[in-house]
Protein backbone atom coordinates (compact mmCIF):
# COMPACT_ATOMS: atom_id res chain seq x y z
CA MET A 1 -42.32 3.33 59.95
CA PRO A 2 -45.48 4.39 58.03
CA TRP A 3 -47.56 6.98 59.90
CA TYR A 4 -50.57 4.67 60.20
CA LYS A 5 -48.49 2.14 62.17
CA GLN A 6 -47.45 4.71 64.78
CA THR A 7 -49.32 4.32 68.07
CA HIS A 8 -50.35 7.94 68.52
CA TRP A 9 -51.90 8.09 65.04
CA GLN A 10 -53.75 4.84 65.68
CA ILE A 11 -55.11 6.32 68.93
CA ILE A 12 -56.25 9.47 67.10
CA ILE A 13 -58.01 7.32 64.49
CA GLY A 14 -59.70 5.33 67.27
CA LEU A 15 -60.79 8.57 68.96
CA VAL A 16 -62.29 10.00 65.75
CA LEU A 17 -64.08 6.74 64.89
CA GLY A 18 -65.40 6.56 68.47
CA LEU A 19 -66.76 10.08 68.14
CA ILE A 20 -68.46 9.27 64.83
CA TYR A 21 -69.91 6.02 66.14
CA GLY A 22 -71.04 7.66 69.40
CA ILE A 23 -72.99 10.32 67.54
CA PHE A 24 -74.52 7.66 65.28
CA ALA A 25 -75.42 5.45 68.26
CA ALA A 26 -76.96 8.33 70.20
CA SER A 27 -79.02 9.36 67.17
CA ASN A 28 -80.32 5.84 66.53
CA GLY A 29 -81.01 4.58 70.05
CA LEU A 30 -78.07 2.18 70.20
CA GLY A 31 -77.20 2.96 73.80
CA ASN A 32 -77.88 -0.57 75.09
CA PHE A 33 -75.97 -2.18 72.23
CA THR A 34 -73.01 0.12 72.92
CA ALA A 35 -73.10 -0.63 76.65
CA ASN A 36 -73.19 -4.40 76.06
CA TRP A 37 -70.85 -4.84 73.08
CA ILE A 38 -68.61 -1.77 72.83
CA THR A 39 -68.07 -0.35 76.32
CA PRO A 40 -66.49 -3.53 77.78
CA PHE A 41 -63.43 -3.08 75.54
CA GLY A 42 -62.88 0.37 77.03
CA THR A 43 -63.29 -1.03 80.54
CA ILE A 44 -60.75 -3.76 79.80
CA PHE A 45 -58.28 -1.16 78.51
CA ILE A 46 -58.58 1.01 81.64
CA ASN A 47 -58.43 -2.01 83.95
CA SER A 48 -55.29 -3.23 82.17
CA LEU A 49 -53.56 0.08 82.81
CA LYS A 50 -54.75 0.16 86.42
CA LEU A 51 -53.60 -3.45 86.85
CA ILE A 52 -49.94 -2.50 86.49
CA ALA A 53 -50.17 0.87 88.29
CA VAL A 54 -49.27 -0.48 91.75
CA PRO A 55 -46.28 -2.64 90.66
CA LEU A 56 -45.08 0.21 88.44
CA VAL A 57 -45.20 2.76 91.27
CA LEU A 58 -43.58 0.35 93.73
CA GLY A 59 -40.83 -0.74 91.35
CA SER A 60 -40.04 2.69 89.93
CA LEU A 61 -40.22 4.67 93.17
CA ILE A 62 -38.25 2.20 95.30
CA THR A 63 -35.46 1.88 92.73
CA GLY A 64 -35.59 5.62 92.06
CA VAL A 65 -35.22 6.57 95.73
CA ALA A 66 -32.54 3.94 96.34
CA SER A 67 -30.57 5.17 93.32
CA LEU A 68 -30.36 8.68 94.79
CA SER A 69 -27.50 7.37 96.97
CA ASP A 70 -28.27 9.61 99.95
CA VAL A 71 -31.28 11.04 101.75
CA SER A 72 -30.16 14.64 101.24
CA LYS A 73 -30.49 14.25 97.48
CA LEU A 74 -33.97 12.84 97.96
CA GLY A 75 -34.84 15.86 100.09
CA ARG A 76 -33.52 18.25 97.45
CA ILE A 77 -35.42 16.69 94.56
CA GLY A 78 -38.52 16.13 96.68
CA GLY A 79 -38.52 19.71 97.92
CA LYS A 80 -38.24 21.15 94.42
CA THR A 81 -40.93 18.80 93.14
CA LEU A 82 -43.45 19.70 95.84
CA ALA A 83 -42.71 23.43 95.52
CA ILE A 84 -43.31 23.44 91.75
CA TYR A 85 -46.41 21.24 92.04
CA ILE A 86 -47.96 23.49 94.68
CA GLY A 87 -46.97 26.65 92.78
CA THR A 88 -48.49 25.54 89.48
CA THR A 89 -51.67 24.38 91.24
CA ALA A 90 -52.09 27.75 92.96
CA LEU A 91 -51.54 29.48 89.62
CA ALA A 92 -54.10 27.21 87.93
CA ILE A 93 -56.84 27.96 90.46
CA SER A 94 -56.03 31.69 90.18
CA ILE A 95 -56.42 31.57 86.40
CA GLY A 96 -59.79 29.87 86.82
CA LEU A 97 -61.03 32.47 89.32
CA VAL A 98 -59.91 35.40 87.15
CA LEU A 99 -61.59 34.02 84.02
CA ALA A 100 -64.81 33.22 85.89
CA ASN A 101 -64.96 36.76 87.31
CA VAL A 102 -64.31 38.33 83.91
CA ILE A 103 -66.54 36.10 81.73
CA GLN A 104 -69.25 35.52 84.41
CA PRO A 105 -70.59 32.22 83.01
CA GLY A 106 -73.15 31.80 85.81
CA LYS A 107 -75.14 34.82 84.62
CA ALA A 108 -75.55 33.28 81.16
CA ILE A 109 -77.84 30.44 82.35
CA PRO A 110 -81.58 31.14 81.99
CA ALA A 111 -83.63 30.57 85.14
CA ASP A 112 -85.76 27.81 83.58
CA VAL A 113 -82.68 25.88 82.42
CA ARG A 114 -81.11 26.25 85.87
CA ASP A 115 -84.22 24.88 87.58
CA GLY A 116 -84.43 21.98 85.12
CA LEU A 117 -80.82 20.95 85.71
CA MET A 118 -81.28 21.12 89.47
CA ALA A 119 -84.30 18.84 89.24
CA THR A 120 -82.67 16.37 86.83
CA TYR A 121 -79.55 15.77 88.89
CA SER A 122 -80.99 16.16 92.40
CA ALA A 123 -80.53 12.45 93.20
CA ASN A 124 -76.84 12.53 92.24
CA VAL A 125 -76.37 15.66 94.34
CA SER A 126 -77.70 13.92 97.44
CA ASP A 127 -75.24 11.05 97.07
CA ARG A 128 -72.31 13.42 96.58
CA GLN A 129 -73.34 15.57 99.52
CA ALA A 130 -73.39 12.52 101.80
CA SER A 131 -69.85 11.58 100.74
CA ALA A 132 -68.67 15.16 101.13
CA GLN A 133 -70.13 15.34 104.64
CA VAL A 134 -68.00 12.37 105.67
CA VAL A 135 -64.90 13.98 104.17
CA GLY A 136 -65.71 17.37 105.67
CA GLU A 137 -65.86 15.95 109.19
CA ARG A 138 -62.22 14.88 109.01
CA GLY A 139 -59.65 16.74 111.10
CA PRO A 140 -57.04 19.11 109.60
CA LEU A 141 -54.30 16.46 109.81
CA GLN A 142 -56.39 13.64 108.37
CA ILE A 143 -54.46 13.97 105.10
CA LEU A 144 -51.33 12.84 106.93
CA VAL A 145 -53.23 9.99 108.59
CA ASP A 146 -54.59 8.81 105.24
CA MET A 147 -51.09 8.88 103.78
CA VAL A 148 -49.70 6.21 106.11
CA PRO A 149 -51.14 2.71 105.52
CA SER A 150 -51.65 0.25 108.37
CA ASN A 151 -51.30 -2.64 105.93
CA ILE A 152 -49.38 -2.28 102.68
CA PHE A 153 -51.11 -5.29 101.12
CA GLY A 154 -54.50 -3.80 101.93
CA ALA A 155 -53.46 -0.46 100.45
CA ALA A 156 -52.13 -2.16 97.31
CA SER A 157 -55.50 -3.83 96.74
CA ASP A 158 -57.19 -0.52 95.83
CA ASN A 159 -55.80 2.00 93.33
CA ARG A 160 -57.58 4.78 95.21
CA ASN A 161 -54.96 4.33 97.95
CA MET A 162 -52.12 5.33 95.62
CA LEU A 163 -50.89 8.02 98.01
CA GLN A 164 -50.28 5.29 100.58
CA ILE A 165 -48.38 3.24 97.99
CA VAL A 166 -46.23 6.27 97.17
CA PHE A 167 -45.50 6.81 100.89
CA PHE A 168 -44.53 3.16 101.41
CA ALA A 169 -42.32 3.10 98.31
CA ILE A 170 -40.41 6.23 99.37
CA PHE A 171 -40.14 4.94 102.96
CA PHE A 172 -38.91 1.53 101.76
CA GLY A 173 -36.41 3.15 99.39
CA ILE A 174 -35.00 5.25 102.24
CA GLY A 175 -34.69 2.05 104.27
CA LEU A 176 -32.63 0.46 101.50
CA LEU A 177 -30.25 3.40 101.66
CA GLN A 178 -29.61 2.65 105.32
CA VAL A 179 -28.43 -0.95 104.93
CA PRO A 180 -25.13 -2.20 103.45
CA GLU A 181 -25.10 -2.30 99.65
CA LYS A 182 -24.41 -6.04 99.62
CA ARG A 183 -27.59 -6.78 101.58
CA ALA A 184 -29.72 -4.27 99.65
CA LYS A 185 -28.65 -5.50 96.20
CA PRO A 186 -30.97 -8.58 95.98
CA LEU A 187 -34.02 -6.44 96.80
CA LEU A 188 -32.94 -3.73 94.39
CA ASP A 189 -32.45 -6.30 91.64
CA PHE A 190 -35.94 -7.65 92.32
CA PHE A 191 -37.61 -4.24 92.07
CA HIS A 192 -35.54 -3.35 89.00
CA GLY A 193 -36.92 -6.54 87.46
CA VAL A 194 -40.48 -5.60 88.45
CA ASN A 195 -39.99 -2.18 86.87
CA ASP A 196 -38.59 -3.62 83.62
CA VAL A 197 -41.43 -6.15 83.32
CA THR A 198 -44.14 -3.52 83.88
CA ILE A 199 -42.62 -1.30 81.18
CA ARG A 200 -42.82 -4.20 78.73
CA LEU A 201 -46.41 -4.82 79.81
CA VAL A 202 -47.17 -1.20 78.94
CA ASP A 203 -46.04 -1.88 75.38
CA LEU A 204 -48.37 -4.87 75.17
CA ILE A 205 -51.34 -2.98 76.64
CA MET A 206 -50.82 -0.10 74.22
CA LEU A 207 -51.48 -2.47 71.33
CA MET A 208 -55.09 -2.37 72.50
CA ALA A 209 -55.13 1.43 72.89
CA PRO A 210 -56.91 2.31 69.60
CA LEU A 211 -59.78 -0.10 70.35
CA GLY A 212 -59.92 0.97 73.98
CA VAL A 213 -60.06 4.66 73.07
CA PHE A 214 -62.76 3.99 70.46
CA ALA A 215 -64.91 2.22 73.08
CA LEU A 216 -64.38 4.87 75.79
CA ILE A 217 -65.32 7.80 73.53
CA ALA A 218 -68.39 5.97 72.20
CA ASP A 219 -69.49 5.13 75.74
CA MET A 220 -69.00 8.71 76.92
CA ILE A 221 -71.21 10.16 74.17
CA THR A 222 -74.02 7.62 74.58
CA THR A 223 -73.97 7.92 78.37
CA VAL A 224 -74.03 11.71 78.52
CA SER A 225 -76.70 11.96 75.81
CA ASP A 226 -78.78 9.20 77.47
CA GLY A 227 -79.71 7.90 74.03
CA ASP A 228 -80.83 11.31 72.81
CA LEU A 229 -78.29 13.36 70.84
CA GLY A 230 -80.59 16.36 71.04
CA LYS A 231 -80.38 16.24 74.83
CA LEU A 232 -76.59 16.32 74.67
CA MET A 233 -76.60 19.27 72.27
CA GLY A 234 -79.15 21.13 74.41
CA LEU A 235 -77.12 20.57 77.55
CA LEU A 236 -73.93 21.78 75.89
CA ALA A 237 -75.74 24.85 74.56
CA ALA A 238 -77.13 25.75 77.98
CA LEU A 239 -73.73 25.38 79.65
CA SER A 240 -71.65 26.58 76.70
CA VAL A 241 -70.28 29.67 78.46
CA TYR A 242 -69.28 27.62 81.52
CA CYS A 243 -67.61 24.99 79.31
CA PHE A 244 -65.87 27.70 77.31
CA THR A 245 -64.51 29.29 80.50
CA VAL A 246 -63.12 25.99 81.81
CA ILE A 247 -61.62 25.03 78.43
CA LEU A 248 -60.06 28.48 77.98
CA GLY A 249 -58.50 28.26 81.44
CA LEU A 250 -57.13 24.78 80.76
CA ALA A 251 -55.72 25.94 77.42
CA ILE A 252 -54.01 28.98 79.00
CA HIS A 253 -52.48 26.83 81.73
CA THR A 254 -51.47 23.97 79.43
CA PHE A 255 -50.10 25.99 76.50
CA GLY A 256 -49.03 29.10 78.41
CA VAL A 257 -47.86 28.27 81.92
CA TYR A 258 -46.13 24.95 81.20
CA PRO A 259 -44.07 26.25 78.24
CA LEU A 260 -42.94 29.16 80.45
CA LEU A 261 -41.94 26.65 83.13
CA LEU A 262 -39.94 24.70 80.56
CA ARG A 263 -38.29 27.87 79.26
CA PHE A 264 -37.26 28.82 82.80
CA PHE A 265 -35.68 25.46 83.68
CA THR A 266 -34.70 24.03 80.30
CA LYS A 267 -33.76 24.91 76.73
CA LEU A 268 -36.26 22.39 75.40
CA ASN A 269 -38.50 23.52 72.55
CA PRO A 270 -42.11 23.44 73.86
CA LEU A 271 -43.31 22.06 70.51
CA ARG A 272 -40.99 19.09 70.87
CA PHE A 273 -42.18 18.63 74.44
CA PHE A 274 -45.84 18.46 73.41
CA LYS A 275 -44.99 16.15 70.53
CA GLY A 276 -43.09 13.89 72.89
CA ILE A 277 -45.95 13.50 75.37
CA GLY A 278 -48.71 13.40 72.75
CA LYS A 279 -49.44 9.71 73.29
CA ALA A 280 -49.82 10.21 77.04
CA GLN A 281 -52.19 13.15 76.46
CA LEU A 282 -54.38 11.05 74.18
CA VAL A 283 -54.56 8.22 76.71
CA ALA A 284 -55.31 10.74 79.46
CA PHE A 285 -58.13 12.24 77.39
CA SER A 286 -59.75 8.89 76.75
CA THR A 287 -59.34 7.37 80.23
CA SER A 288 -59.88 10.51 82.38
CA SER A 289 -57.37 9.03 84.83
CA SER A 290 -53.88 10.31 85.62
CA GLY A 291 -53.17 7.09 87.48
CA ALA A 292 -54.17 4.87 84.58
CA THR A 293 -52.09 7.03 82.23
CA LEU A 294 -49.00 6.92 84.48
CA PRO A 295 -47.24 4.03 82.68
CA VAL A 296 -47.60 5.81 79.33
CA THR A 297 -46.53 9.15 80.84
CA MET A 298 -43.32 7.59 82.19
CA GLU A 299 -42.58 5.95 78.86
CA CYS A 300 -43.06 9.22 76.93
CA CYS A 301 -40.97 11.31 79.34
CA GLU A 302 -38.07 8.87 79.40
CA GLU A 303 -37.95 7.83 75.74
CA ASN A 304 -39.24 10.92 73.92
CA ILE A 305 -38.26 13.82 76.18
CA GLY A 306 -35.06 12.43 77.70
CA VAL A 307 -35.96 12.57 81.40
CA SER A 308 -33.75 10.19 83.37
CA GLU A 309 -35.35 7.14 84.94
CA GLU A 310 -34.11 8.33 88.34
CA VAL A 311 -36.16 11.53 88.11
CA SER A 312 -39.21 10.17 86.28
CA SER A 313 -39.60 7.27 88.70
CA PHE A 314 -39.88 9.70 91.60
CA VAL A 315 -41.56 12.82 90.18
CA LEU A 316 -44.23 11.26 87.93
CA PRO A 317 -45.82 8.79 90.40
CA LEU A 318 -45.91 11.59 92.96
CA GLY A 319 -47.47 13.95 90.42
CA ALA A 320 -50.14 11.44 89.37
CA THR A 321 -51.13 11.30 93.04
CA ILE A 322 -51.00 14.92 94.22
CA ASN A 323 -50.67 17.22 91.19
CA MET A 324 -54.15 18.16 89.94
CA ASP A 325 -53.80 21.52 88.19
CA GLY A 326 -56.69 20.89 85.80
CA THR A 327 -58.97 19.80 88.63
CA ALA A 328 -58.02 22.83 90.75
CA LEU A 329 -58.72 25.23 87.86
CA TYR A 330 -62.11 23.61 87.25
CA GLN A 331 -62.99 23.89 90.95
CA GLY A 332 -62.30 27.61 90.86
CA VAL A 333 -64.45 28.20 87.78
CA ALA A 334 -67.23 25.94 89.08
CA THR A 335 -67.35 27.72 92.45
CA ILE A 336 -67.76 31.15 90.87
CA PHE A 337 -70.17 29.77 88.24
CA ILE A 338 -72.50 28.22 90.81
CA ALA A 339 -72.36 31.32 93.03
CA GLN A 340 -73.27 33.55 90.08
CA ALA A 341 -76.05 31.20 88.96
CA VAL A 342 -77.76 31.35 92.37
CA GLY A 343 -77.22 35.11 92.73
CA LEU A 344 -74.35 35.20 95.25
CA ASP A 345 -71.24 37.39 95.16
CA LEU A 346 -68.03 36.01 96.64
CA SER A 347 -65.70 38.46 98.36
CA LEU A 348 -61.95 38.62 97.75
CA GLY A 349 -61.45 36.82 101.07
CA ASP A 350 -63.77 34.02 99.98
CA GLN A 351 -61.90 33.59 96.71
CA LEU A 352 -58.52 33.52 98.47
CA ASN A 353 -60.01 30.81 100.67
CA VAL A 354 -60.99 28.90 97.52
CA ILE A 355 -57.35 29.03 96.34
CA LEU A 356 -56.10 27.64 99.65
CA LEU A 357 -58.72 24.89 99.78
CA ALA A 358 -58.18 23.85 96.17
CA VAL A 359 -54.41 23.57 96.66
CA MET A 360 -54.92 21.46 99.78
CA ALA A 361 -57.52 19.35 97.96
CA SER A 362 -55.10 18.61 95.12
CA ILE A 363 -52.76 17.01 97.65
CA GLY A 364 -55.34 15.15 99.68
CA THR A 365 -57.80 13.87 97.07
CA ALA A 366 -55.97 10.64 96.27
CA ALA A 367 -57.49 8.80 99.26
CA VAL A 368 -61.01 10.16 98.63
CA PRO A 369 -63.40 8.33 96.27
CA GLY A 370 -65.00 10.65 93.71
CA ALA A 371 -62.36 13.19 94.64
CA GLY A 372 -62.96 16.17 92.36
CA ILE A 373 -66.68 16.68 92.81
CA ILE A 374 -66.60 15.80 96.52
CA MET A 375 -63.86 18.33 97.23
CA LEU A 376 -65.83 20.89 95.20
CA ILE A 377 -68.79 20.40 97.55
CA ILE A 378 -66.55 21.03 100.56
CA ILE A 379 -65.21 24.21 98.94
CA LEU A 380 -68.75 25.40 98.19
CA GLU A 381 -69.90 24.79 101.75
CA THR A 382 -66.85 26.59 103.14
CA VAL A 383 -67.60 29.78 101.20
CA HIS A 384 -71.36 29.45 101.91
CA VAL A 385 -72.46 28.61 98.36
CA PRO A 386 -75.31 26.01 98.20
CA SER A 387 -73.66 22.67 97.40
CA ALA A 388 -76.82 21.57 95.60
CA GLY A 389 -75.58 23.83 92.82
CA ILE A 390 -73.29 21.06 91.56
CA ALA A 391 -76.39 19.77 89.78
CA LEU A 392 -75.78 22.57 87.29
CA ILE A 393 -72.48 21.06 86.13
CA LEU A 394 -72.86 17.29 86.57
CA GLY A 395 -74.26 16.86 83.07
CA VAL A 396 -71.08 18.07 81.35
CA ASP A 397 -68.60 17.04 84.02
CA ARG A 398 -67.59 13.83 82.23
CA ILE A 399 -66.60 15.73 79.09
CA LEU A 400 -64.62 18.37 80.96
CA ASP A 401 -62.99 15.70 83.12
CA MET A 402 -61.28 14.31 80.02
CA LEU A 403 -59.74 17.71 79.31
CA ARG A 404 -58.78 18.28 82.96
CA THR A 405 -56.87 15.00 82.96
CA VAL A 406 -54.89 16.09 79.89
CA THR A 407 -53.80 19.20 81.80
CA ASN A 408 -52.92 17.13 84.88
CA VAL A 409 -50.74 14.72 82.89
CA THR A 410 -49.10 17.55 80.94
CA GLY A 411 -48.26 19.25 84.24
CA ASP A 412 -46.69 16.08 85.63
CA SER A 413 -44.53 15.76 82.51
CA ALA A 414 -43.50 19.44 82.50
CA VAL A 415 -42.45 19.32 86.15
CA ALA A 416 -40.52 16.07 85.63
CA THR A 417 -38.71 17.63 82.67
CA SER A 418 -37.91 20.78 84.67
CA ILE A 419 -36.62 18.82 87.66
CA ALA A 420 -34.49 16.62 85.39
CA ALA A 421 -32.94 19.69 83.77
CA SER A 422 -32.21 21.29 87.16
CA GLU A 423 -30.45 18.07 88.24
CA GLY A 424 -28.45 17.73 85.01
CA GLN A 425 -30.45 14.63 84.08
CA LEU A 426 -32.23 15.74 80.92
CA ARG A 427 -30.93 13.94 77.84
CA GLU A 428 -30.91 15.38 74.35
CA VAL A 429 -33.10 13.09 72.28
CA HIS A 430 -33.03 12.99 68.49
CA PRO A 431 -35.65 11.19 66.38
CA LYS A 432 -33.10 8.70 65.03
CA ASP A 433 -31.55 7.93 68.41
CA ASN A 434 -32.18 4.66 70.16
CA LYS A 435 -33.23 5.11 73.76
CA ASP A 436 -30.10 3.26 74.98
CA GLN A 437 -27.71 5.30 72.83
CA ILE A 438 -28.58 8.83 73.96
CA LYS A 439 -25.88 11.10 75.33
CA TRP A 440 -26.47 13.16 78.44
CA LYS A 441 -27.11 16.80 77.80
CA LYS A 442 -24.87 19.10 79.86
CA GLY A 443 -24.36 17.50 83.21
CA LYS A 444 -23.45 14.15 84.60
CA LYS A 445 -25.78 11.56 85.92
CA ASP A 446 -25.31 11.54 89.70
């Protein structure tokens, strides 16, 4: 197949053209035209991916859990998955805190720029603070309460309730293990069918990916610049050290920690791993949503990396819901950055508290609208840093969010690959192999 017909190259071309058009539109006052005639295609692309997220999670998780044959196997895989997710998140936030303490990005912002940013985004800060106050008043076990839906159909009507969908799917799958195989088979066949159909729908939606990515990148540039490219450049210049710190941390975690994880659990070449999930990373970058990228992530892990469907259908939906390494790292950098900008020094105890809160937030944010920035406010308030300081970072948050999502999706894929290898369910994939003609690599499928 010629390179220009390959999906990932088409997405890259769409991304580059979107960048070029966005700069042109911002320089020539075409913000309204872009919003009316370009942005809707990006919205349609994201909505299409979100449309199949719930049936994909239900179908894949229920069949995945039921295929484990016994609850003890589910406990083993689930325990390893949670342990690795929590461990990598704690490491990510630690990397962010170390870099922020060494580079000290908050001390690089001039006082006049700081005051101007605070004034510009004061209205947004008030809205976020109100939402954070509601979240902050929840009890310590509210995460568990939010996890269990009172009505599965109500939970399925909103993608922000994905943690509840994951809980129901696992619970339902365990229930199928408890009934005779003859009675469970019709339901399993139904959910296998749902899973197969959603995978085919992913292929159809990805035909629109280049146009969708083009529209999303163009919209991002025109929105952040507010029709003035000079404003965007000025904002990036003022916050360049902060952006550099976050990007450096994400790069260290993505290209340092995850390859080490793969080396520990597998013999997979990290370069082949990154090549295999490249399409998912591009979609993650353009959509800024791990949930919307989930169908593509599953496709890449199964077909390009060789992760078994049994493992991917359990580990990846769970990761898209609770594994937020990129978000946790950003929260650590942002907390230190804001504290430095307003002249506060955080003690070692405060920073250890930030690590604990960020890890907990990565698990509990799925049921919270506007999760990342709201949980950041709660962290700031806990360590006595003025939450109004988020005004300093709101202007560039959309850009960094795209990069954070790439790290989140890469982490999900790396953990799924590691778990598959530890369970003897990582296939050896060759470029010329068909996905249905791949031999298992060392180990039998349980």
